[in-house]
């Protein structure tokens, strides 16, 4: 559920990336964390 909390704070563009990266869950988490931080 951590992803849902992140989506609430991220921009719509990042949300779209999240959906696209969902296919790669592991890479998705790393990529999002890198962008946010």
PDB file of N, CA and C in Angstrom:
ATOM      1  N   UNK A   1       0.835  -1.203   0.000  1.00  0.00           N
ATOM      2  CA  UNK A   1       0.000   0.000   0.000  1.00  0.00           C
ATOM      3  C   UNK A   1       0.862   1.242   0.000  1.00  0.00           C
ATOM      4  N   UNK A   2       2.157   1.088   0.227  1.00  0.00           N
ATOM      5  CA  UNK A   2       3.055   2.250   0.242  1.00  0.00           C
ATOM      6  C   UNK A   2       2.976   2.985  -1.089  1.00  0.00           C
ATOM      7  N   UNK A   3       2.804   2.251  -2.187  1.00  0.00           N
ATOM      8  CA  UNK A   3       2.732   2.892  -3.507  1.00  0.00           C
ATOM      9  C   UNK A   3       1.558   3.860  -3.557  1.00  0.00           C
ATOM     10  N   UNK A   4       0.427   3.488  -2.977  1.00  0.00           N
ATOM     11  CA  UNK A   4      -0.755   4.358  -3.006  1.00  0.00           C
ATOM     12  C   UNK A   4      -0.445   5.663  -2.287  1.00  0.00           C
ATOM     13  N   UNK A   5       0.212   5.585  -1.140  1.00  0.00           N
ATOM     14  CA  UNK A   5       0.544   6.806  -0.398  1.00  0.00           C
ATOM     15  C   UNK A   5       1.445   7.687  -1.245  1.00  0.00           C
ATOM     16  N   UNK A   6       2.415   7.085  -1.914  1.00  0.00           N
ATOM     17  CA  UNK A   6       3.331   7.870  -2.753  1.00  0.00           C
ATOM     18  C   UNK A   6       2.560   8.551  -3.868  1.00  0.00           C
ATOM     19  N   UNK A   7       1.659   7.816  -4.504  1.00  0.00           N
ATOM     20  CA  UNK A   7       0.891   8.374  -5.625  1.00  0.00           C
ATOM     21  C   UNK A   7       0.132   9.615  -5.176  1.00  0.00           C
ATOM     22  N   UNK A   8      -0.350   9.611  -3.936  1.00  0.00           N
ATOM     23  CA  UNK A   8      -1.122  10.763  -3.453  1.00  0.00           C
ATOM     24  C   UNK A   8      -0.266  12.023  -3.476  1.00  0.00           C
ATOM     25  N   UNK A   9       1.025  11.898  -3.214  1.00  0.00           N
ATOM     26  CA  UNK A   9       1.895  13.072  -3.151  1.00  0.00           C
ATOM     27  C   UNK A   9       2.569  13.373  -4.489  1.00  0.00           C
ATOM     28  N   UNK A  10       2.794  12.370  -5.300  1.00  0.00           N
ATOM     29  CA  UNK A  10       3.501  12.607  -6.562  1.00  0.00           C
ATOM     30  C   UNK A  10       2.603  13.299  -7.576  1.00  0.00           C
ATOM     31  N   UNK A  11       3.202  13.816  -8.645  1.00  0.00           N
ATOM     32  CA  UNK A  11       2.424  14.501  -9.678  1.00  0.00           C
ATOM     33  C   UNK A  11       1.749  13.488 -10.600  1.00  0.00           C
ATOM     34  N   UNK A  12       0.822  13.960 -11.398  1.00  0.00           N
ATOM     35  CA  UNK A  12       0.115  13.050 -12.316  1.00  0.00           C
ATOM     36  C   UNK A  12       1.100  12.380 -13.261  1.00  0.00           C
ATOM     37  N   UNK A  13       2.130  13.128 -13.701  1.00  0.00           N
ATOM     38  CA  UNK A  13       3.117  12.537 -14.612  1.00  0.00           C
ATOM     39  C   UNK A  13       3.783  11.337 -13.945  1.00  0.00           C
ATOM     40  N   UNK A  14       4.170  11.509 -12.684  1.00  0.00           N
ATOM     41  CA  UNK A  14       4.819  10.395 -11.986  1.00  0.00           C
ATOM     42  C   UNK A  14       3.833   9.240 -11.831  1.00  0.00           C
ATOM     43  N   UNK A  15       2.580   9.570 -11.604  1.00  0.00           N
ATOM     44  CA  UNK A  15       1.573   8.507 -11.452  1.00  0.00           C
ATOM     45  C   UNK A  15       1.521   7.673 -12.722  1.00  0.00           C
ATOM     46  N   UNK A  16       1.553   8.333 -13.864  1.00  0.00           N
ATOM     47  CA  UNK A  16       1.531   7.600 -15.138  1.00  0.00           C
ATOM     48  C   UNK A  16       2.752   6.695 -15.221  1.00  0.00           C
ATOM     49  N   UNK A  17       3.906   7.220 -14.803  1.00  0.00           N
ATOM     50  CA  UNK A  17       5.128   6.402 -14.838  1.00  0.00           C
ATOM     51  C   UNK A  17       4.957   5.207 -13.914  1.00  0.00           C
ATOM     52  N   UNK A  18       4.334   5.448 -12.766  1.00  0.00           N
ATOM     53  CA  UNK A  18       4.117   4.348 -11.816  1.00  0.00           C
ATOM     54  C   UNK A  18       3.344   3.224 -12.496  1.00  0.00           C
ATOM     55  N   UNK A  19       2.274   3.574 -13.177  1.00  0.00           N
ATOM     56  CA  UNK A  19       1.463   2.551 -13.850  1.00  0.00           C
ATOM     57  C   UNK A  19       2.293   1.826 -14.898  1.00  0.00           C
ATOM     58  N   UNK A  20       3.103   2.580 -15.648  1.00  0.00           N
ATOM     59  CA  UNK A  20       3.920   1.937 -16.681  1.00  0.00           C
ATOM     60  C   UNK A  20       4.977   1.037 -16.049  1.00  0.00           C
ATOM     61  N   UNK A  21       5.548   1.502 -14.927  1.00  0.00           N
ATOM     62  CA  UNK A  21       6.607   0.721 -14.276  1.00  0.00           C
ATOM     63  C   UNK A  21       6.042  -0.422 -13.448  1.00  0.00           C
ATOM     64  N   UNK A  22       4.737  -0.451 -13.240  1.00  0.00           N
ATOM     65  CA  UNK A  22       4.153  -1.526 -12.434  1.00  0.00           C
ATOM     66  C   UNK A  22       4.558  -2.874 -12.998  1.00  0.00           C
ATOM     67  N   UNK A  23       4.765  -2.938 -14.311  1.00  0.00           N
ATOM     68  CA  UNK A  23       5.190  -4.212 -14.906  1.00  0.00           C
ATOM     69  C   UNK A  23       6.512  -4.635 -14.286  1.00  0.00           C
ATOM     70  N   UNK A  24       7.341  -3.643 -13.939  1.00  0.00           N
ATOM     71  CA  UNK A  24       8.627  -3.966 -13.280  1.00  0.00           C
ATOM     72  C   UNK A  24       8.546  -3.450 -11.854  1.00  0.00           C
ATOM     73  N   UNK A  25       8.036  -4.234 -10.963  1.00  0.00           N
ATOM     74  CA  UNK A  25       7.827  -3.777  -9.581  1.00  0.00           C
ATOM     75  C   UNK A  25       9.151  -3.392  -8.915  1.00  0.00           C
ATOM     76  N   UNK A  26      10.128  -4.267  -8.962  1.00  0.00           N
ATOM     77  CA  UNK A  26      11.396  -3.976  -8.286  1.00  0.00           C
ATOM     78  C   UNK A  26      12.030  -2.712  -8.856  1.00  0.00           C
ATOM     79  N   UNK A  27      12.150  -2.636 -10.172  1.00  0.00           N
ATOM     80  CA  UNK A  27      12.762  -1.464 -10.799  1.00  0.00           C
ATOM     81  C   UNK A  27      11.913  -0.235 -10.526  1.00  0.00           C
ATOM     82  N   UNK A  28      10.602  -0.421 -10.468  1.00  0.00           N
ATOM     83  CA  UNK A  28       9.685   0.691 -10.234  1.00  0.00           C
ATOM     84  C   UNK A  28      10.009   1.371  -8.907  1.00  0.00           C
ATOM     85  N   UNK A  29      10.067   0.610  -7.840  1.00  0.00           N
ATOM     86  CA  UNK A  29      10.350   1.193  -6.526  1.00  0.00           C
ATOM     87  C   UNK A  29      11.660   1.963  -6.546  1.00  0.00           C
ATOM     88  N   UNK A  30      12.704   1.391  -7.108  1.00  0.00           N
ATOM     89  CA  UNK A  30      14.008   2.045  -7.138  1.00  0.00           C
ATOM     90  C   UNK A  30      13.939   3.335  -7.948  1.00  0.00           C
ATOM     91  N   UNK A  31      13.287   3.299  -9.099  1.00  0.00           N
ATOM     92  CA  UNK A  31      13.205   4.479  -9.963  1.00  0.00           C
ATOM     93  C   UNK A  31      12.432   5.593  -9.278  1.00  0.00           C
ATOM     94  N   UNK A  32      11.322   5.279  -8.672  1.00  0.00           N
ATOM     95  CA  UNK A  32      10.495   6.308  -8.025  1.00  0.00           C
ATOM     96  C   UNK A  32      11.259   6.940  -6.869  1.00  0.00           C
ATOM     97  N   UNK A  33      11.868   6.113  -6.042  1.00  0.00           N
ATOM     98  CA  UNK A  33      12.617   6.643  -4.902  1.00  0.00           C
ATOM     99  C   UNK A  33      13.716   7.568  -5.401  1.00  0.00           C
ATOM    100  N   UNK A  34      14.384   7.184  -6.489  1.00  0.00           N
ATOM    101  CA  UNK A  34      15.462   8.017  -7.026  1.00  0.00           C
ATOM    102  C   UNK A  34      14.916   9.364  -7.469  1.00  0.00           C
ATOM    103  N   UNK A  35      13.759   9.372  -8.125  1.00  0.00           N
ATOM    104  CA  UNK A  35      13.186  10.633  -8.612  1.00  0.00           C
ATOM    105  C   UNK A  35      12.703  11.494  -7.446  1.00  0.00           C
ATOM    106  N   UNK A  36      12.013  10.882  -6.488  1.00  0.00           N
ATOM    107  CA  UNK A  36      11.484  11.664  -5.366  1.00  0.00           C
ATOM    108  C   UNK A  36      12.620  12.203  -4.510  1.00  0.00           C
ATOM    109  N   UNK A  37      13.655  11.391  -4.294  1.00  0.00           N
ATOM    110  CA  UNK A  37      14.761  11.852  -3.440  1.00  0.00           C
ATOM    111  C   UNK A  37      15.973  12.121  -4.299  1.00  0.00           C
TER     112      UNK A  37
END
